[in-house]
Amino acid sequence: MHIRLAVDADLQPLSHLFDHYRQSCDHPSDINGCYTFLSQRLSENDSIIFVAFESEIILGFIQLYPSFSSLMLQPVWYFEDAFVLPKYRNQGIASQMIARAGVLAKSAQVKLIDGHREQSLRV
């Protein structure tokens, strides 16, 4: 299994995975909307998406949104979305992607924040 930043060539399979993620959160399927949304995020460079893959199959992703924290007086990346295909869960894939994001955040001198809890992630 390998982890890397998502690129334009990932859009089609990533859109399907993102659609599964949204459905798991009780949102209706919208594959075209997912494709458009992710395409905009990548082209506008306003989110950071890591993908985990094996044999050219994307197994999961995490998505971070760059921002700033007035209270911390520094840039932050909000960890917002994470999804791993059900048959690949409980193998540490999400944890490995989060750890990889932590390495990139540290090298960029950015704090990684859990977007759902507003807490710093320990990575």
Foldseek 3Di string as FASTA:
>chain_A
DDKDWDDPVCLQLVLVQVQVQVVVVVDHGDSVVSSVVVVCCRVVVQKIKMFDDDPPHTFKIWIWGWDADPVVRGIAIEGEDIDGPPVPPPPCPRVVNVVVVVVVCVVVVHFYAHNVPRHTDDD
